[in-house]
């Protein structure tokens, strides 16, 4: 995981892949964080894809590093 605070817009939406790129971890690691309750994802109505917010990504990073 990236050791500095992730640079992402707290109000923007990010897919699992994008969240993994921001945190500099594998997509499967983000899935494990989701199962552990570290990061929350919501489901888009159109297409049924999962997304999270930048605020959730920062919260997950803070839970790991602070």
Protein backbone atom coordinates (compact mmCIF):
# COMPACT_ATOMS: atom_id res chain seq x y z
CA UNK A 1 0.00 0.00 0.00
CA UNK A 2 1.13 3.52 -0.72
CA UNK A 3 2.84 5.09 2.32
CA UNK A 4 1.66 8.65 1.62
CA UNK A 5 -1.95 9.80 1.75
CA UNK A 6 -3.67 8.86 -1.53
CA UNK A 7 -4.32 11.72 -3.92
CA UNK A 8 -7.98 11.27 -4.83
CA UNK A 9 -11.10 13.41 -4.86
CA UNK A 10 -13.13 12.54 -1.73
CA UNK A 11 -16.41 13.03 -3.62
CA UNK A 12 -15.51 11.13 -6.80
CA UNK A 13 -16.52 7.53 -7.52
CA UNK A 14 -13.91 4.84 -8.15
CA UNK A 15 -14.15 1.23 -9.30
CA UNK A 16 -12.34 -1.60 -7.50
CA UNK A 17 -9.59 -1.47 -10.11
CA UNK A 18 -9.16 2.30 -9.73
CA UNK A 19 -9.13 2.03 -5.92
CA UNK A 20 -6.42 -0.63 -6.19
CA UNK A 21 -4.34 1.65 -8.44
CA UNK A 22 -4.72 4.58 -6.04
CA UNK A 23 -3.72 2.46 -3.03
CA UNK A 24 -1.00 0.72 -5.10
CA UNK A 25 -2.22 -2.77 -4.21
CA UNK A 26 -3.70 -5.64 -6.18
CA UNK A 27 -7.43 -5.71 -6.96
CA UNK A 28 -7.77 -8.85 -4.86
CA UNK A 29 -6.30 -7.02 -1.86
CA UNK A 30 -9.00 -4.36 -2.20
CA UNK A 31 -11.57 -7.16 -2.18
CA UNK A 32 -10.07 -8.50 1.06
CA UNK A 33 -10.26 -4.98 2.57
CA UNK A 34 -13.94 -4.91 1.58
CA UNK A 35 -14.62 -8.27 3.24
CA UNK A 36 -12.78 -7.10 6.38
CA UNK A 37 -14.94 -3.96 6.48
CA UNK A 38 -12.08 -1.53 5.86
CA UNK A 39 -13.64 -0.11 2.69
CA UNK A 40 -17.27 -0.02 1.55
CA UNK A 41 -18.48 -0.46 -2.00
CA UNK A 42 -21.90 0.29 -3.44
CA UNK A 43 -23.50 -1.22 -6.53
CA UNK A 44 -24.37 0.92 -9.54
CA UNK A 45 -27.92 0.54 -10.74
CA UNK A 46 -26.85 0.58 -14.39
CA UNK A 47 -24.49 -2.26 -15.14
CA UNK A 48 -24.33 -3.60 -11.58
CA UNK A 49 -20.67 -2.56 -11.19
CA UNK A 50 -19.25 -1.78 -7.77
CA UNK A 51 -17.92 1.64 -6.84
CA UNK A 52 -16.56 3.43 -3.81
CA UNK A 53 -15.85 7.05 -3.02
CA UNK A 54 -12.51 8.74 -2.56
CA UNK A 55 -13.49 9.34 1.05
CA UNK A 56 -13.74 5.58 1.61
CA UNK A 57 -10.32 5.05 0.00
CA UNK A 58 -8.76 7.65 2.30
CA UNK A 59 -10.55 6.12 5.31
CA UNK A 60 -9.16 2.68 4.43
CA UNK A 61 -5.65 4.11 4.06
CA UNK A 62 -5.92 5.89 7.43
CA UNK A 63 -7.10 2.69 9.13
CA UNK A 64 -4.00 0.94 7.82
CA UNK A 65 -1.39 3.64 8.39
CA UNK A 66 -2.59 5.77 11.31
